[in-house]
Amino acid sequence: MIEVVSVREHPERVEEAIAYFQEKWASEESKPVYEDCIRHSLTAKGFLPQWYLLCQEEKIIGCGGIISNDFISRMDLYPWFCALYVEEKQRGHGYGSLLLEWAKQDARQAGYDTIYLCTDHVGYYEKYGFHYIAQGYHPWGESSRIYEAEL
């Protein structure tokens, strides 16, 4: 059985969530960013941030999140879906779409009508209702494609 687990709703999983996101997304320098954000998401006053684990019989096989800004110049846009990851051996089964749809539903229930993401991938997110709207720029000098999906 595959399920999406909200870290906020399951705070007992915060340590493994931090470790997983750090392993999949962080550099040595950015590990504290993930730890601090995920840990403080448990007591956030508002909806953001949200962190999700994709689990198969309690084992983490993927992750994703919703944040206020994904280190991109378009700070007028939010919320942002971020950090989508599915283990290579689990790819090809549509599991990424489970995280995307869960996040979209959560954001809709929180009162948002649009969700954004930034990526270099072309062709993947379009399958799940996202469309390209602009280029955005990161503080470290790179750029990424910005996509939006109406909720």
N, C-alpha and C. Protein backbone atom coordinates (compact mmCIF):
# COMPACT_ATOMS: atom_id res chain seq x y z
N MET A 1 0.83 -1.19 0.00
CA MET A 1 0.00 0.00 0.00
C MET A 1 0.88 1.25 0.00
N ILE A 2 0.55 2.20 -0.86
CA ILE A 2 1.27 3.46 -0.96
C ILE A 2 0.42 4.53 -0.28
N GLU A 3 1.08 5.35 0.57
CA GLU A 3 0.34 6.43 1.21
C GLU A 3 1.21 7.67 1.32
N VAL A 4 0.54 8.83 1.33
CA VAL A 4 1.20 10.10 1.56
C VAL A 4 1.03 10.43 3.03
N VAL A 5 2.14 10.75 3.70
CA VAL A 5 2.13 11.04 5.13
C VAL A 5 2.55 12.50 5.33
N SER A 6 1.70 13.26 5.99
CA SER A 6 2.03 14.64 6.35
C SER A 6 2.92 14.61 7.59
N VAL A 7 4.07 15.24 7.50
CA VAL A 7 4.98 15.27 8.65
C VAL A 7 4.34 16.06 9.79
N ARG A 8 3.61 17.10 9.47
CA ARG A 8 2.94 17.89 10.52
C ARG A 8 1.92 17.04 11.26
N GLU A 9 1.21 16.19 10.55
CA GLU A 9 0.20 15.33 11.18
C GLU A 9 0.83 14.11 11.86
N HIS A 10 2.08 13.82 11.53
CA HIS A 10 2.80 12.69 12.12
C HIS A 10 4.17 13.16 12.62
N PRO A 11 4.19 13.98 13.67
CA PRO A 11 5.45 14.53 14.15
C PRO A 11 6.44 13.49 14.64
N GLU A 12 5.97 12.30 14.93
CA GLU A 12 6.87 11.23 15.34
C GLU A 12 7.82 10.83 14.21
N ARG A 13 7.54 11.27 13.00
CA ARG A 13 8.39 10.92 11.84
C ARG A 13 9.31 12.07 11.42
N VAL A 14 9.37 13.12 12.23
CA VAL A 14 10.14 14.30 11.84
C VAL A 14 11.62 14.00 11.64
N GLU A 15 12.22 13.20 12.49
CA GLU A 15 13.65 12.93 12.35
C GLU A 15 13.95 12.17 11.06
N GLU A 16 13.14 11.17 10.74
CA GLU A 16 13.39 10.43 9.50
C GLU A 16 13.06 11.29 8.29
N ALA A 17 12.08 12.20 8.41
CA ALA A 17 11.77 13.12 7.30
C ALA A 17 12.96 14.05 7.04
N ILE A 18 13.51 14.60 8.10
CA ILE A 18 14.68 15.49 7.95
C ILE A 18 15.81 14.73 7.28
N ALA A 19 16.11 13.55 7.75
CA ALA A 19 17.21 12.76 7.19
C ALA A 19 16.96 12.44 5.72
N TYR A 20 15.72 12.10 5.37
CA TYR A 20 15.41 11.73 3.99
C TYR A 20 15.54 12.94 3.06
N PHE A 21 14.94 14.07 3.42
CA PHE A 21 15.05 15.26 2.58
C PHE A 21 16.51 15.69 2.45
N GLN A 22 17.26 15.63 3.53
CA GLN A 22 18.68 16.00 3.46
C GLN A 22 19.44 15.07 2.51
N GLU A 23 19.17 13.78 2.61
CA GLU A 23 19.85 12.82 1.74
C GLU A 23 19.55 13.06 0.27
N LYS A 24 18.30 13.37 -0.04
CA LYS A 24 17.88 13.49 -1.44
C LYS A 24 18.14 14.86 -2.03
N TRP A 25 18.13 15.92 -1.20
CA TRP A 25 18.16 17.27 -1.75
C TRP A 25 19.28 18.16 -1.25
N ALA A 26 19.83 17.91 -0.10
CA ALA A 26 20.72 18.89 0.52
C ALA A 26 22.19 18.68 0.16
N SER A 27 22.90 19.78 0.12
CA SER A 27 24.36 19.77 0.13
C SER A 27 24.75 19.87 1.61
N GLU A 28 26.02 19.74 1.90
CA GLU A 28 26.46 19.91 3.30
C GLU A 28 26.05 21.28 3.83
N GLU A 29 26.15 22.29 2.98
CA GLU A 29 25.83 23.65 3.40
C GLU A 29 24.33 23.85 3.63
N SER A 30 23.49 23.13 2.89
CA SER A 30 22.05 23.37 2.99
C SER A 30 21.33 22.41 3.94
N LYS A 31 22.04 21.46 4.52
CA LYS A 31 21.39 20.54 5.46
C LYS A 31 20.67 21.27 6.59
N PRO A 32 21.25 22.31 7.18
CA PRO A 32 20.53 23.02 8.25
C PRO A 32 19.24 23.69 7.78
N VAL A 33 19.18 24.08 6.51
CA VAL A 33 17.96 24.70 5.98
C VAL A 33 16.81 23.70 6.04
N TYR A 34 17.04 22.48 5.56
CA TYR A 34 15.98 21.48 5.60
C TYR A 34 15.62 21.12 7.03
N GLU A 35 16.60 20.92 7.88
CA GLU A 35 16.30 20.56 9.26
C GLU A 35 15.48 21.64 9.94
N ASP A 36 15.90 22.88 9.83
CA ASP A 36 15.21 23.98 10.50
C ASP A 36 13.79 24.15 9.97
N CYS A 37 13.64 24.11 8.66
CA CYS A 37 12.32 24.31 8.07
C CYS A 37 11.37 23.17 8.41
N ILE A 38 11.82 21.94 8.29
CA ILE A 38 10.94 20.80 8.58
C ILE A 38 10.59 20.76 10.06
N ARG A 39 11.57 20.96 10.91
CA ARG A 39 11.31 20.94 12.36
C ARG A 39 10.30 22.03 12.76
N HIS A 40 10.47 23.24 12.23
CA HIS A 40 9.57 24.33 12.60
C HIS A 40 8.22 24.27 11.90
N SER A 41 8.11 23.44 10.88
CA SER A 41 6.81 23.28 10.23
C SER A 41 5.80 22.64 11.19
N LEU A 42 6.29 21.91 12.16
CA LEU A 42 5.41 21.24 13.11
C LEU A 42 4.62 22.23 13.96
N THR A 43 5.17 23.40 14.18
CA THR A 43 4.52 24.39 15.05
C THR A 43 4.15 25.67 14.32
N ALA A 44 4.19 25.63 12.99
CA ALA A 44 3.86 26.82 12.21
C ALA A 44 2.42 27.25 12.48
N LYS A 45 2.21 28.55 12.56
CA LYS A 45 0.87 29.08 12.83
C LYS A 45 -0.04 28.99 11.61
N GLY A 46 0.56 29.12 10.42
CA GLY A 46 -0.23 29.05 9.20
C GLY A 46 -0.08 27.71 8.50
N PHE A 47 -0.62 27.63 7.31
CA PHE A 47 -0.59 26.41 6.53
C PHE A 47 0.83 26.04 6.08
N LEU A 48 1.61 27.05 5.69
CA LEU A 48 2.95 26.80 5.17
C LEU A 48 3.99 26.78 6.28
N PRO A 49 5.02 25.98 6.14
CA PRO A 49 5.31 24.97 5.12
C PRO A 49 4.69 23.62 5.47
N GLN A 50 4.57 22.79 4.46
CA GLN A 50 4.09 21.42 4.61
C GLN A 50 5.13 20.48 4.00
N TRP A 51 5.38 19.37 4.65
CA TRP A 51 6.33 18.38 4.15
C TRP A 51 5.65 17.02 4.15
N TYR A 52 5.85 16.28 3.07
CA TYR A 52 5.17 14.99 2.89
C TYR A 52 6.18 13.89 2.60
N LEU A 53 5.86 12.72 3.12
CA LEU A 53 6.62 11.51 2.81
C LEU A 53 5.71 10.58 2.03
N LEU A 54 6.26 9.96 1.01
CA LEU A 54 5.54 8.93 0.27
C LEU A 54 6.05 7.61 0.81
N CYS A 55 5.14 6.83 1.36
CA CYS A 55 5.54 5.60 2.05
C CYS A 55 4.88 4.38 1.44
N GLN A 56 5.64 3.30 1.45
CA GLN A 56 5.13 1.99 1.06
C GLN A 56 5.38 1.08 2.25
N GLU A 57 4.29 0.73 2.92
CA GLU A 57 4.37 -0.10 4.13
C GLU A 57 5.39 0.48 5.12
N GLU A 58 5.21 1.75 5.44
CA GLU A 58 6.04 2.49 6.41
C GLU A 58 7.42 2.89 5.89
N LYS A 59 7.89 2.32 4.79
CA LYS A 59 9.21 2.67 4.24
C LYS A 59 9.06 3.89 3.33
N ILE A 60 9.93 4.87 3.52
CA ILE A 60 9.88 6.08 2.69
C ILE A 60 10.42 5.76 1.30
N ILE A 61 9.61 6.10 0.29
CA ILE A 61 10.04 5.90 -1.10
C ILE A 61 10.00 7.20 -1.90
N GLY A 62 9.64 8.30 -1.24
CA GLY A 62 9.59 9.58 -1.93
C GLY A 62 9.23 10.70 -0.98
N CYS A 63 9.26 11.93 -1.52
CA CYS A 63 8.95 13.09 -0.69
C CYS A 63 8.56 14.28 -1.55
N GLY A 64 8.05 15.30 -0.89
CA GLY A 64 7.70 16.57 -1.52
C GLY A 64 7.26 17.54 -0.45
N GLY A 65 7.08 18.78 -0.84
CA GLY A 65 6.67 19.78 0.13
C GLY A 65 5.96 20.95 -0.52
N ILE A 66 5.39 21.79 0.33
CA ILE A 66 4.79 23.05 -0.11
C ILE A 66 5.41 24.13 0.77
N ILE A 67 5.97 25.15 0.12
CA ILE A 67 6.67 26.20 0.85
C ILE A 67 6.26 27.58 0.31
N SER A 68 6.69 28.62 0.99
CA SER A 68 6.31 29.97 0.58
C SER A 68 7.15 30.50 -0.57
N ASN A 69 8.39 30.03 -0.73
CA ASN A 69 9.24 30.42 -1.86
C ASN A 69 10.34 29.39 -2.02
N ASP A 70 10.61 29.00 -3.25
CA ASP A 70 11.61 27.97 -3.52
C ASP A 70 12.93 28.58 -3.99
N PHE A 71 13.45 29.54 -3.21
CA PHE A 71 14.73 30.20 -3.54
C PHE A 71 14.72 30.72 -4.96
N ILE A 72 13.62 31.41 -5.34
CA ILE A 72 13.48 31.90 -6.71
C ILE A 72 13.00 33.35 -6.67
N SER A 73 13.33 34.10 -7.71
CA SER A 73 13.09 35.53 -7.74
C SER A 73 11.62 35.93 -7.69
N ARG A 74 10.71 35.07 -8.06
CA ARG A 74 9.29 35.42 -8.12
C ARG A 74 8.62 35.26 -6.75
N MET A 75 8.99 36.15 -5.86
CA MET A 75 8.44 36.10 -4.50
C MET A 75 7.00 36.60 -4.44
N ASP A 76 6.48 37.08 -5.56
CA ASP A 76 5.08 37.47 -5.63
C ASP A 76 4.17 36.26 -5.81
N LEU A 77 4.75 35.10 -6.09
CA LEU A 77 3.98 33.88 -6.33
C LEU A 77 4.14 32.92 -5.15
N TYR A 78 3.05 32.31 -4.73
CA TYR A 78 3.09 31.27 -3.69
C TYR A 78 1.72 30.64 -3.57
N PRO A 79 1.65 29.43 -3.05
CA PRO A 79 2.70 28.56 -2.51
C PRO A 79 3.42 27.81 -3.63
N TRP A 80 4.56 27.23 -3.27
CA TRP A 80 5.42 26.50 -4.20
C TRP A 80 5.47 25.03 -3.79
N PHE A 81 5.27 24.16 -4.77
CA PHE A 81 5.54 22.75 -4.54
C PHE A 81 7.04 22.57 -4.72
N CYS A 82 7.66 21.80 -3.85
CA CYS A 82 9.12 21.66 -3.92
C CYS A 82 9.55 20.23 -3.59
N ALA A 83 10.79 19.96 -3.92
CA ALA A 83 11.51 18.76 -3.46
C ALA A 83 10.84 17.44 -3.81
N LEU A 84 10.20 17.37 -4.99
CA LEU A 84 9.62 16.09 -5.41
C LEU A 84 10.74 15.09 -5.66
N TYR A 85 10.61 13.95 -5.04
CA TYR A 85 11.58 12.87 -5.26
C TYR A 85 10.86 11.54 -5.09
N VAL A 86 11.13 10.61 -6.00
CA VAL A 86 10.66 9.24 -5.90
C VAL A 86 11.88 8.35 -6.16
N GLU A 87 12.07 7.36 -5.30
CA GLU A 87 13.20 6.44 -5.45
C GLU A 87 13.22 5.86 -6.86
N GLU A 88 14.42 5.74 -7.42
CA GLU A 88 14.55 5.26 -8.79
C GLU A 88 13.85 3.93 -9.04
N LYS A 89 13.95 3.00 -8.11
CA LYS A 89 13.33 1.68 -8.28
C LYS A 89 11.80 1.76 -8.26
N GLN A 90 11.25 2.88 -7.77
CA GLN A 90 9.81 3.04 -7.65
C GLN A 90 9.22 3.90 -8.77
N ARG A 91 10.06 4.40 -9.64
CA ARG A 91 9.59 5.28 -10.70
C ARG A 91 8.85 4.50 -11.78
N GLY A 92 7.99 5.21 -12.50
CA GLY A 92 7.24 4.59 -13.58
C GLY A 92 5.88 4.06 -13.15
N HIS A 93 5.51 4.30 -11.89
CA HIS A 93 4.22 3.84 -11.39
C HIS A 93 3.26 4.99 -11.09
N GLY A 94 3.67 6.21 -11.40
CA GLY A 94 2.82 7.37 -11.14
C GLY A 94 2.84 7.84 -9.69
N TYR A 95 3.82 7.41 -8.92
CA TYR A 95 3.86 7.78 -7.51
C TYR A 95 4.11 9.27 -7.30
N GLY A 96 4.87 9.88 -8.21
CA GLY A 96 5.08 11.33 -8.12
C GLY A 96 3.76 12.07 -8.22
N SER A 97 2.85 11.56 -9.03
CA SER A 97 1.55 12.22 -9.18
C SER A 97 0.75 12.15 -7.88
N LEU A 98 0.96 11.12 -7.08
CA LEU A 98 0.27 11.04 -5.78
C LEU A 98 0.68 12.19 -4.88
N LEU A 99 1.99 12.48 -4.84
CA LEU A 99 2.47 13.61 -4.04
C LEU A 99 1.96 14.94 -4.60
N LEU A 100 2.01 15.09 -5.90
CA LEU A 100 1.52 16.32 -6.52
C LEU A 100 0.04 16.55 -6.25
N GLU A 101 -0.75 15.52 -6.44
CA GLU A 101 -2.20 15.67 -6.22
C GLU A 101 -2.53 15.91 -4.75
N TRP A 102 -1.81 15.26 -3.85
CA TRP A 102 -2.01 15.47 -2.42
C TRP A 102 -1.72 16.92 -2.06
N ALA A 103 -0.60 17.42 -2.55
CA ALA A 103 -0.22 18.81 -2.27
C ALA A 103 -1.22 19.79 -2.87
N LYS A 104 -1.67 19.52 -4.08
CA LYS A 104 -2.66 20.40 -4.70
C LYS A 104 -3.95 20.43 -3.89
N GLN A 105 -4.39 19.26 -3.44
CA GLN A 105 -5.61 19.20 -2.64
C GLN A 105 -5.43 19.92 -1.31
N ASP A 106 -4.29 19.72 -0.66
CA ASP A 106 -4.00 20.40 0.60
C ASP A 106 -4.00 21.92 0.42
N ALA A 107 -3.34 22.39 -0.63
CA ALA A 107 -3.27 23.83 -0.89
C ALA A 107 -4.66 24.39 -1.20
N ARG A 108 -5.45 23.66 -1.95
CA ARG A 108 -6.81 24.09 -2.25
C ARG A 108 -7.63 24.21 -0.97
N GLN A 109 -7.53 23.21 -0.09
CA GLN A 109 -8.27 23.24 1.17
C GLN A 109 -7.80 24.38 2.07
N ALA A 110 -6.55 24.81 1.90
CA ALA A 110 -6.02 25.93 2.69
C ALA A 110 -6.42 27.27 2.10
N GLY A 111 -7.13 27.26 0.98
CA GLY A 111 -7.64 28.50 0.40
C GLY A 111 -6.87 29.05 -0.78
N TYR A 112 -5.88 28.34 -1.26
CA TYR A 112 -5.13 28.80 -2.43
C TYR A 112 -5.84 28.36 -3.70
N ASP A 113 -5.69 29.15 -4.76
CA ASP A 113 -6.30 28.77 -6.03
C ASP A 113 -5.27 28.40 -7.09
N THR A 114 -3.97 28.57 -6.76
CA THR A 114 -2.89 28.26 -7.69
C THR A 114 -1.71 27.74 -6.88
N ILE A 115 -0.94 26.84 -7.47
CA ILE A 115 0.31 26.37 -6.87
C ILE A 115 1.40 26.45 -7.94
N TYR A 116 2.61 26.72 -7.52
CA TYR A 116 3.72 26.94 -8.43
C TYR A 116 4.84 25.94 -8.16
N LEU A 117 5.72 25.79 -9.12
CA LEU A 117 6.96 25.04 -8.90
C LEU A 117 8.00 25.54 -9.87
N CYS A 118 9.26 25.31 -9.51
CA CYS A 118 10.35 25.64 -10.43
C CYS A 118 11.15 24.37 -10.69
N THR A 119 11.59 24.24 -11.93
CA THR A 119 12.26 23.01 -12.35
C THR A 119 13.01 23.24 -13.65
N ASP A 120 13.89 22.31 -13.96
CA ASP A 120 14.52 22.28 -15.27
C ASP A 120 13.90 21.20 -16.15
N HIS A 121 13.01 20.41 -15.58
CA HIS A 121 12.35 19.34 -16.35
C HIS A 121 11.33 19.93 -17.31
N VAL A 122 11.27 19.36 -18.48
CA VAL A 122 10.28 19.76 -19.48
C VAL A 122 9.51 18.50 -19.84
N GLY A 123 8.18 18.56 -19.74
CA GLY A 123 7.34 17.44 -20.15
C GLY A 123 6.77 16.62 -19.02
N TYR A 124 7.36 16.68 -17.83
CA TYR A 124 6.86 15.87 -16.72
C TYR A 124 5.66 16.54 -16.04
N TYR A 125 5.86 17.74 -15.57
CA TYR A 125 4.80 18.39 -14.78
C TYR A 125 3.59 18.78 -15.62
N GLU A 126 3.79 18.95 -16.91
CA GLU A 126 2.68 19.26 -17.79
C GLU A 126 1.62 18.15 -17.76
N LYS A 127 2.05 16.90 -17.53
CA LYS A 127 1.12 15.77 -17.47
C LYS A 127 0.17 15.87 -16.27
N TYR A 128 0.53 16.74 -15.32
CA TYR A 128 -0.25 16.83 -14.08
C TYR A 128 -0.86 18.20 -13.88
N GLY A 129 -1.15 18.89 -14.99
CA GLY A 129 -1.90 20.13 -14.93
C GLY A 129 -1.08 21.39 -14.76
N PHE A 130 0.23 21.30 -14.79
CA PHE A 130 1.09 22.48 -14.69
C PHE A 130 1.41 23.00 -16.08
N HIS A 131 1.55 24.33 -16.19
CA HIS A 131 2.01 24.90 -17.45
C HIS A 131 3.04 25.99 -17.17
N TYR A 132 3.97 26.10 -18.10
CA TYR A 132 5.09 27.04 -18.00
C TYR A 132 4.58 28.47 -18.05
N ILE A 133 5.09 29.33 -17.15
CA ILE A 133 4.69 30.74 -17.18
C ILE A 133 5.87 31.71 -17.33
N ALA A 134 7.08 31.32 -16.90
CA ALA A 134 8.20 32.27 -16.96
C ALA A 134 9.49 31.60 -16.51
N GLN A 135 10.60 32.31 -16.72
CA GLN A 135 11.88 31.95 -16.13
C GLN A 135 11.99 32.67 -14.78
N GLY A 136 12.62 32.01 -13.84
CA GLY A 136 12.90 32.64 -12.55
C GLY A 136 14.38 32.49 -12.26
N TYR A 137 14.87 33.27 -11.32
CA TYR A 137 16.30 33.33 -11.07
C TYR A 137 16.61 33.02 -9.61
N HIS A 138 17.63 32.21 -9.40
CA HIS A 138 18.04 31.79 -8.07
C HIS A 138 19.17 32.67 -7.56
N PRO A 139 19.30 32.80 -6.24
CA PRO A 139 20.37 33.64 -5.67
C PRO A 139 21.77 33.18 -6.06
N TRP A 140 21.94 31.92 -6.41
CA TRP A 140 23.27 31.41 -6.74
C TRP A 140 23.60 31.56 -8.22
N GLY A 141 22.75 32.31 -8.97
CA GLY A 141 23.08 32.65 -10.34
C GLY A 141 22.47 31.78 -11.42
N GLU A 142 21.75 30.76 -11.07
CA GLU A 142 21.10 29.90 -12.06
C GLU A 142 19.66 30.35 -12.27
N SER A 143 19.05 29.81 -13.31
CA SER A 143 17.64 30.08 -13.56
C SER A 143 16.89 28.76 -13.68
N SER A 144 15.57 28.83 -13.50
CA SER A 144 14.71 27.66 -13.61
C SER A 144 13.40 28.07 -14.27
N ARG A 145 12.76 27.10 -14.87
CA ARG A 145 11.44 27.30 -15.44
C ARG A 145 10.41 27.34 -14.32
N ILE A 146 9.48 28.27 -14.39
CA ILE A 146 8.41 28.37 -13.40
C ILE A 146 7.12 27.85 -14.04
N TYR A 147 6.46 26.98 -13.30
CA TYR A 147 5.18 26.41 -13.73
C TYR A 147 4.10 26.75 -12.71
N GLU A 148 2.85 26.78 -13.18
CA GLU A 148 1.73 26.96 -12.28
C GLU A 148 0.64 25.95 -12.63
N ALA A 149 -0.18 25.65 -11.62
CA ALA A 149 -1.36 24.82 -11.83
C ALA A 149 -2.50 25.46 -11.06
N GLU A 150 -3.63 25.58 -11.71
CA GLU A 150 -4.81 26.08 -11.03
C GLU A 150 -5.39 24.97 -10.18
N LEU A 151 -5.85 25.34 -9.01
CA LEU A 151 -6.41 24.36 -8.09
C LEU A 151 -7.91 24.41 -8.17
